[in-house]
Amino acid sequence: MIREPVELGINDHGQVELPLGLLAEAGLSPGASVLAYSDGDGRIVLRRAEDAICDLIEDGTL
């Protein structure tokens, strides 16, 4: 089951804390490596680093 969206604030250092439940639903745990990129107007995407690297290998980019 996917949770309802949660409104989060960005602190003065540009940091955002993600709830543990949200991380767990995404298959992430504290300390995991993620890649972040902008995906357009007001959207930031986080990907597990190993998933992003595997995608690049499969696409022949690496």
Protein backbone atom coordinates (compact mmCIF):
# COMPACT_ATOMS: atom_id res chain seq x y z
CA MET A 1 0.00 0.00 0.00
CA ILE A 2 1.30 3.45 -0.93
CA ARG A 3 0.99 6.16 1.68
CA GLU A 4 -0.71 9.45 1.17
CA PRO A 5 1.65 12.30 0.23
CA VAL A 6 3.41 13.94 3.15
CA GLU A 7 4.22 17.64 3.13
CA LEU A 8 7.86 18.23 4.10
CA GLY A 9 9.80 21.41 4.71
CA ILE A 10 13.21 22.39 3.40
CA ASN A 11 15.45 23.79 6.15
CA ASP A 12 17.89 26.72 5.86
CA HIS A 13 20.63 24.32 4.74
CA GLY A 14 18.50 22.94 1.88
CA GLN A 15 17.92 19.65 3.67
CA VAL A 16 14.74 17.57 3.82
CA GLU A 17 14.08 14.72 6.26
CA LEU A 18 12.17 11.79 4.78
CA PRO A 19 9.92 9.71 7.04
CA LEU A 20 11.17 6.15 7.66
CA GLY A 21 7.88 4.71 6.39
CA LEU A 22 8.32 6.47 3.06
CA LEU A 23 11.89 5.16 2.78
CA ALA A 24 10.75 1.64 3.60
CA GLU A 25 8.01 1.73 0.95
CA ALA A 26 10.63 2.77 -1.61
CA GLY A 27 12.96 -0.04 -0.53
CA LEU A 28 15.47 2.36 1.02
CA SER A 29 17.00 2.42 4.46
CA PRO A 30 18.93 5.08 6.36
CA GLY A 31 22.48 5.24 5.01
CA ALA A 32 21.51 4.05 1.52
CA SER A 33 23.15 5.74 -1.47
CA VAL A 34 20.75 7.52 -3.80
CA LEU A 35 21.10 9.68 -6.88
CA ALA A 36 18.98 12.81 -7.08
CA TYR A 37 18.07 14.74 -10.20
CA SER A 38 15.56 17.33 -11.33
CA ASP A 39 12.77 15.94 -13.48
CA GLY A 40 11.15 19.19 -14.48
CA ASP A 41 9.09 21.89 -12.87
CA GLY A 42 9.11 21.33 -9.10
CA ARG A 43 9.98 17.64 -9.26
CA ILE A 44 13.05 15.92 -7.77
CA VAL A 45 13.61 12.19 -8.28
CA LEU A 46 15.62 9.94 -5.95
CA ARG A 47 16.92 6.60 -7.28
CA ARG A 48 18.86 3.88 -5.51
CA ALA A 49 22.42 4.31 -6.77
CA GLU A 50 22.76 0.63 -7.69
CA ASP A 51 19.50 0.73 -9.71
CA ALA A 52 20.61 3.79 -11.65
CA ILE A 53 24.01 2.22 -12.39
CA CYS A 54 22.36 -1.02 -13.55
CA ASP A 55 20.09 0.98 -15.87
CA LEU A 56 23.12 2.71 -17.40
CA ILE A 57 24.90 -0.62 -17.93
CA GLU A 58 21.80 -2.16 -19.54
CA ASP A 59 21.40 0.86 -21.83
CA GLY A 60 25.06 0.60 -22.87
CA THR A 61 25.84 4.05 -21.48
CA LEU A 62 28.65 2.66 -19.25
